[in-house]
Amino acid sequence: MDVLGGFWIPATPFDHKMDLAGALYFQPTSPIESIVSIEELFMRAKSIRYVPDPPGEDYWQTPQETQARWAGDCEDKAIWLFAELKKNGYHDLRLVIGRYRSVDKKFHVWLTRIDDENNVLILDPTTQKKIWKASDFEKGFYQPLYSFDGINRYRHEPATR
């Protein structure tokens, strides 16, 4: 198990959607010219208009589609933020698929990151107004099932924290 939790696995049920959205193997393609703060990028992602997929559909947009529409649902906002953070040189990031609350039936997507003080941060531009430490939430919130670091995939046990 690594510092963000979870065990490496070769594949997840979400690989196809992640691949189509361009997030599964995202790596910056050009040198970093200037770094935008993580807080600024989070606020930009937060400002993306929330538009759910039509009933019965679950389309995961590419970061470019989200940028062009400036609209999307939780995974679209999270994938856009993940790509922007990677482009700005941030590391120790995970795109997480899980449940906002352990009792929820629907999946939710957010990011985690390890900060310089080794805190696990929650970056959820759909639900939260700011970046939080994972330890600020009661047990039962932000329950990861799978996570991606851009190359590797991880499986998380239910109710890991």
C-alpha atoms as a PDB file:
ATOM      1  CA  MET A   1       0.000   0.000   0.000  1.00  0.00           C
ATOM      2  CA  ASP A   2       1.278   3.484  -0.816  1.00  0.00           C
ATOM      3  CA  VAL A   3       1.013   6.787   1.083  1.00  0.00           C
ATOM      4  CA  LEU A   4      -2.346   7.746  -0.498  1.00  0.00           C
ATOM      5  CA  GLY A   5      -3.746   4.342   0.324  1.00  0.00           C
ATOM      6  CA  GLY A   6      -4.851   1.587  -1.927  1.00  0.00           C
ATOM      7  CA  PHE A   7      -3.176  -1.386  -3.509  1.00  0.00           C
ATOM      8  CA  TRP A   8      -1.802  -1.418  -7.038  1.00  0.00           C
ATOM      9  CA  ILE A   9      -4.013  -3.326  -9.481  1.00  0.00           C
ATOM     10  CA  PRO A  10      -3.576  -3.986 -13.216  1.00  0.00           C
ATOM     11  CA  ALA A  11      -7.063  -2.754 -14.237  1.00  0.00           C
ATOM     12  CA  THR A  12     -10.318  -1.263 -12.953  1.00  0.00           C
ATOM     13  CA  PRO A  13     -13.907  -1.260 -14.226  1.00  0.00           C
ATOM     14  CA  PHE A  14     -13.396   2.437 -15.120  1.00  0.00           C
ATOM     15  CA  ASP A  15     -10.326   2.065 -17.377  1.00  0.00           C
ATOM     16  CA  HIS A  16     -12.298   2.404 -20.611  1.00  0.00           C
ATOM     17  CA  LYS A  17     -13.952   5.651 -19.497  1.00  0.00           C
ATOM     18  CA  MET A  18     -10.644   6.988 -18.159  1.00  0.00           C
ATOM     19  CA  ASP A  19      -8.890   6.115 -21.404  1.00  0.00           C
ATOM     20  CA  LEU A  20     -11.546   7.812 -23.554  1.00  0.00           C
ATOM     21  CA  ALA A  21     -11.347  10.908 -21.320  1.00  0.00           C
ATOM     22  CA  GLY A  22      -7.586  11.032 -21.859  1.00  0.00           C
ATOM     23  CA  ALA A  23      -6.757  10.853 -18.139  1.00  0.00           C
ATOM     24  CA  LEU A  24      -5.449   7.321 -17.761  1.00  0.00           C
ATOM     25  CA  TYR A  25      -1.945   8.039 -19.025  1.00  0.00           C
ATOM     26  CA  PHE A  26      -1.867  11.831 -18.881  1.00  0.00           C
ATOM     27  CA  GLN A  27       1.600  13.316 -18.952  1.00  0.00           C
ATOM     28  CA  PRO A  28       2.500  16.944 -19.698  1.00  0.00           C
ATOM     29  CA  THR A  29       3.526  17.362 -23.326  1.00  0.00           C
ATOM     30  CA  SER A  30       5.417  20.632 -23.056  1.00  0.00           C
ATOM     31  CA  PRO A  31       7.767  22.276 -20.567  1.00  0.00           C
ATOM     32  CA  ILE A  32       6.156  24.204 -17.731  1.00  0.00           C
ATOM     33  CA  GLU A  33       6.244  27.922 -18.551  1.00  0.00           C
ATOM     34  CA  SER A  34       4.699  29.251 -15.360  1.00  0.00           C
ATOM     35  CA  ILE A  35       3.076  27.553 -12.421  1.00  0.00           C
ATOM     36  CA  VAL A  36      -0.467  28.465 -11.450  1.00  0.00           C
ATOM     37  CA  SER A  37      -1.210  27.879  -7.766  1.00  0.00           C
ATOM     38  CA  ILE A  38      -3.151  24.799  -6.781  1.00  0.00           C
ATOM     39  CA  GLU A  39      -5.737  27.049  -5.115  1.00  0.00           C
ATOM     40  CA  GLU A  40      -6.232  29.077  -8.319  1.00  0.00           C
ATOM     41  CA  LEU A  41      -6.639  25.932 -10.420  1.00  0.00           C
ATOM     42  CA  PHE A  42      -9.106  24.537  -7.867  1.00  0.00           C
ATOM     43  CA  MET A  43     -11.179  27.737  -8.036  1.00  0.00           C
ATOM     44  CA  ARG A  44     -11.180  27.583 -11.843  1.00  0.00           C
ATOM     45  CA  ALA A  45     -12.417  23.993 -11.699  1.00  0.00           C
ATOM     46  CA  LYS A  46     -15.034  25.022  -9.151  1.00  0.00           C
ATOM     47  CA  SER A  47     -16.312  27.676 -11.582  1.00  0.00           C
ATOM     48  CA  ILE A  48     -17.024  25.064 -14.278  1.00  0.00           C
ATOM     49  CA  ARG A  49     -20.810  24.913 -14.534  1.00  0.00           C
ATOM     50  CA  TYR A  50     -22.211  21.638 -13.184  1.00  0.00           C
ATOM     51  CA  VAL A  51     -24.254  19.876 -15.858  1.00  0.00           C
ATOM     52  CA  PRO A  52     -25.185  16.237 -15.207  1.00  0.00           C
ATOM     53  CA  ASP A  53     -25.186  13.636 -17.960  1.00  0.00           C
ATOM     54  CA  PRO A  54     -28.614  12.812 -19.408  1.00  0.00           C
ATOM     55  CA  PRO A  55     -30.447   9.994 -17.583  1.00  0.00           C
ATOM     56  CA  GLY A  56     -28.989   6.596 -18.425  1.00  0.00           C
ATOM     57  CA  GLU A  57     -25.748   8.059 -19.833  1.00  0.00           C
ATOM     58  CA  ASP A  58     -22.325   8.360 -18.207  1.00  0.00           C
ATOM     59  CA  TYR A  59     -20.021  10.175 -20.618  1.00  0.00           C
ATOM     60  CA  TRP A  60     -16.593  11.229 -19.334  1.00  0.00           C
ATOM     61  CA  GLN A  61     -15.365  14.323 -21.184  1.00  0.00           C
ATOM     62  CA  THR A  62     -11.771  14.998 -22.106  1.00  0.00           C
ATOM     63  CA  PRO A  63     -10.175  18.025 -20.414  1.00  0.00           C
ATOM     64  CA  GLN A  64     -10.401  19.784 -23.790  1.00  0.00           C
ATOM     65  CA  GLU A  65     -14.162  19.159 -24.038  1.00  0.00           C
ATOM     66  CA  THR A  66     -14.710  20.458 -20.524  1.00  0.00           C
ATOM     67  CA  GLN A  67     -12.550  23.507 -21.309  1.00  0.00           C
ATOM     68  CA  ALA A  68     -14.560  24.232 -24.479  1.00  0.00           C
ATOM     69  CA  ARG A  69     -17.994  23.767 -22.834  1.00  0.00           C
ATOM     70  CA  TRP A  70     -16.944  25.093 -19.422  1.00  0.00           C
ATOM     71  CA  ALA A  71     -19.524  22.645 -18.138  1.00  0.00           C
ATOM     72  CA  GLY A  72     -19.603  19.051 -16.946  1.00  0.00           C
ATOM     73  CA  ASP A  73     -20.332  16.779 -14.031  1.00  0.00           C
ATOM     74  CA  CYS A  74     -18.081  15.632 -11.187  1.00  0.00           C
ATOM     75  CA  GLU A  75     -15.731  13.435 -13.212  1.00  0.00           C
ATOM     76  CA  ASP A  76     -15.436  16.049 -15.964  1.00  0.00           C
ATOM     77  CA  LYS A  77     -14.469  18.756 -13.472  1.00  0.00           C
ATOM     78  CA  ALA A  78     -12.064  16.421 -11.650  1.00  0.00           C
ATOM     79  CA  ILE A  79     -10.407  15.213 -14.874  1.00  0.00           C
ATOM     80  CA  TRP A  80      -9.988  18.821 -16.053  1.00  0.00           C
ATOM     81  CA  LEU A  81      -8.410  19.767 -12.698  1.00  0.00           C
ATOM     82  CA  PHE A  82      -6.170  16.675 -12.747  1.00  0.00           C
ATOM     83  CA  ALA A  83      -4.883  17.580 -16.227  1.00  0.00           C
ATOM     84  CA  GLU A  84      -4.300  21.223 -15.295  1.00  0.00           C
ATOM     85  CA  LEU A  85      -2.442  20.317 -12.108  1.00  0.00           C
ATOM     86  CA  LYS A  86      -0.235  17.877 -14.037  1.00  0.00           C
ATOM     87  CA  LYS A  87       0.440  20.545 -16.696  1.00  0.00           C
ATOM     88  CA  ASN A  88       1.533  22.893 -13.910  1.00  0.00           C
ATOM     89  CA  GLY A  89       4.006  20.395 -12.483  1.00  0.00           C
ATOM     90  CA  TYR A  90       2.057  19.151  -9.462  1.00  0.00           C
ATOM     91  CA  HIS A  91       2.638  15.572  -8.371  1.00  0.00           C
ATOM     92  CA  ASP A  92       1.422  13.161  -5.670  1.00  0.00           C
ATOM     93  CA  LEU A  93      -2.044  13.464  -7.216  1.00  0.00           C
ATOM     94  CA  ARG A  94      -4.790  10.895  -7.542  1.00  0.00           C
ATOM     95  CA  LEU A  95      -8.023  10.983  -9.462  1.00  0.00           C
ATOM     96  CA  VAL A  96     -10.383   9.101  -7.131  1.00  0.00           C
ATOM     97  CA  ILE A  97     -13.600   7.243  -7.886  1.00  0.00           C
ATOM     98  CA  GLY A  98     -15.645   6.434  -4.827  1.00  0.00           C
ATOM     99  CA  ARG A  99     -18.551   7.635  -2.769  1.00  0.00           C
ATOM    100  CA  TYR A 100     -18.921  11.085  -1.250  1.00  0.00           C
ATOM    101  CA  ARG A 101     -20.697   9.419   1.675  1.00  0.00           C
ATOM    102  CA  SER A 102     -20.428   5.712   2.360  1.00  0.00           C
ATOM    103  CA  VAL A 103     -24.243   5.417   2.232  1.00  0.00           C
ATOM    104  CA  ASP A 104     -24.491   6.969  -1.264  1.00  0.00           C
ATOM    105  CA  LYS A 105     -25.464   4.684  -4.140  1.00  0.00           C
ATOM    106  CA  LYS A 106     -23.920   6.848  -6.873  1.00  0.00           C
ATOM    107  CA  PHE A 107     -20.219   7.174  -7.552  1.00  0.00           C
ATOM    108  CA  HIS A 108     -18.422  10.483  -7.117  1.00  0.00           C
ATOM    109  CA  VAL A 109     -15.051  11.634  -8.504  1.00  0.00           C
ATOM    110  CA  TRP A 110     -12.522  13.951  -6.813  1.00  0.00           C
ATOM    111  CA  LEU A 111      -8.761  14.357  -6.399  1.00  0.00           C
ATOM    112  CA  THR A 112      -6.397  13.696  -3.531  1.00  0.00           C
ATOM    113  CA  ARG A 113      -2.925  15.098  -3.101  1.00  0.00           C
ATOM    114  CA  ILE A 114      -0.146  14.858  -0.533  1.00  0.00           C
ATOM    115  CA  ASP A 115       1.037  18.313   0.532  1.00  0.00           C
ATOM    116  CA  ASP A 116       4.512  19.316   1.730  1.00  0.00           C
ATOM    117  CA  GLU A 117       3.584  18.417   5.335  1.00  0.00           C
ATOM    118  CA  ASN A 118       2.443  14.915   4.300  1.00  0.00           C
ATOM    119  CA  ASN A 119      -1.273  15.728   4.723  1.00  0.00           C
ATOM    120  CA  VAL A 120      -3.752  14.064   2.394  1.00  0.00           C
ATOM    121  CA  LEU A 121      -5.791  16.823   0.746  1.00  0.00           C
ATOM    122  CA  ILE A 122      -9.260  16.503  -0.798  1.00  0.00           C
ATOM    123  CA  LEU A 123      -9.788  18.552  -3.965  1.00  0.00           C
ATOM    124  CA  ASP A 124     -13.473  18.270  -4.863  1.00  0.00           C
ATOM    125  CA  PRO A 125     -14.474  21.150  -7.149  1.00  0.00           C
ATOM    126  CA  THR A 126     -18.042  19.819  -7.435  1.00  0.00           C
ATOM    127  CA  THR A 127     -18.976  19.624  -3.750  1.00  0.00           C
ATOM    128  CA  GLN A 128     -16.495  21.754  -1.779  1.00  0.00           C
ATOM    129  CA  LYS A 129     -15.738  25.486  -1.740  1.00  0.00           C
ATOM    130  CA  LYS A 130     -12.079  25.012  -0.858  1.00  0.00           C
ATOM    131  CA  ILE A 131      -9.335  22.410  -0.540  1.00  0.00           C
ATOM    132  CA  TRP A 132      -9.624  20.402   2.681  1.00  0.00           C
ATOM    133  CA  LYS A 133      -7.446  17.993   4.615  1.00  0.00           C
ATOM    134  CA  ALA A 134      -8.941  14.502   4.499  1.00  0.00           C
ATOM    135  CA  SER A 135      -8.666  14.439   8.296  1.00  0.00           C
ATOM    136  CA  ASP A 136     -11.210  17.322   8.461  1.00  0.00           C
ATOM    137  CA  PHE A 137     -13.986  14.936   7.402  1.00  0.00           C
ATOM    138  CA  GLU A 138     -15.761  12.461   9.627  1.00  0.00           C
ATOM    139  CA  LYS A 139     -15.437   8.765   8.871  1.00  0.00           C
ATOM    140  CA  GLY A 140     -17.916   7.832   6.178  1.00  0.00           C
ATOM    141  CA  PHE A 141     -17.149  10.779   3.869  1.00  0.00           C
ATOM    142  CA  TYR A 142     -14.921  10.535   0.787  1.00  0.00           C
ATOM    143  CA  GLN A 143     -14.741   6.770   0.574  1.00  0.00           C
ATOM    144  CA  PRO A 144     -12.346   5.841  -2.281  1.00  0.00           C
ATOM    145  CA  LEU A 145     -12.903   2.692  -4.307  1.00  0.00           C
ATOM    146  CA  TYR A 146     -10.383   3.207  -7.132  1.00  0.00           C
ATOM    147  CA  SER A 147      -7.754   5.827  -7.836  1.00  0.00           C
ATOM    148  CA  PHE A 148      -5.390   6.734 -10.660  1.00  0.00           C
ATOM    149  CA  ASP A 149      -2.128   8.662 -10.510  1.00  0.00           C
ATOM    150  CA  GLY A 150      -1.940   9.131 -14.282  1.00  0.00           C
ATOM    151  CA  ILE A 151      -0.128   5.848 -14.872  1.00  0.00           C
ATOM    152  CA  ASN A 152      -0.978   3.388 -12.090  1.00  0.00           C
ATOM    153  CA  ARG A 153      -4.328   2.174 -10.808  1.00  0.00           C
ATOM    154  CA  TYR A 154      -5.210   1.409  -7.196  1.00  0.00           C
ATOM    155  CA  ARG A 155      -8.017  -0.406  -5.401  1.00  0.00           C
ATOM    156  CA  HIS A 156      -9.154   0.856  -2.015  1.00  0.00           C
ATOM    157  CA  GLU A 157     -10.949  -1.142   0.621  1.00  0.00           C
ATOM    158  CA  PRO A 158     -14.330   0.294   1.643  1.00  0.00           C
ATOM    159  CA  ALA A 159     -14.264   2.575   4.697  1.00  0.00           C
ATOM    160  CA  THR A 160     -10.462   2.906   4.724  1.00  0.00           C
ATOM    161  CA  ARG A 161     -10.584   5.968   6.957  1.00  0.00           C
END
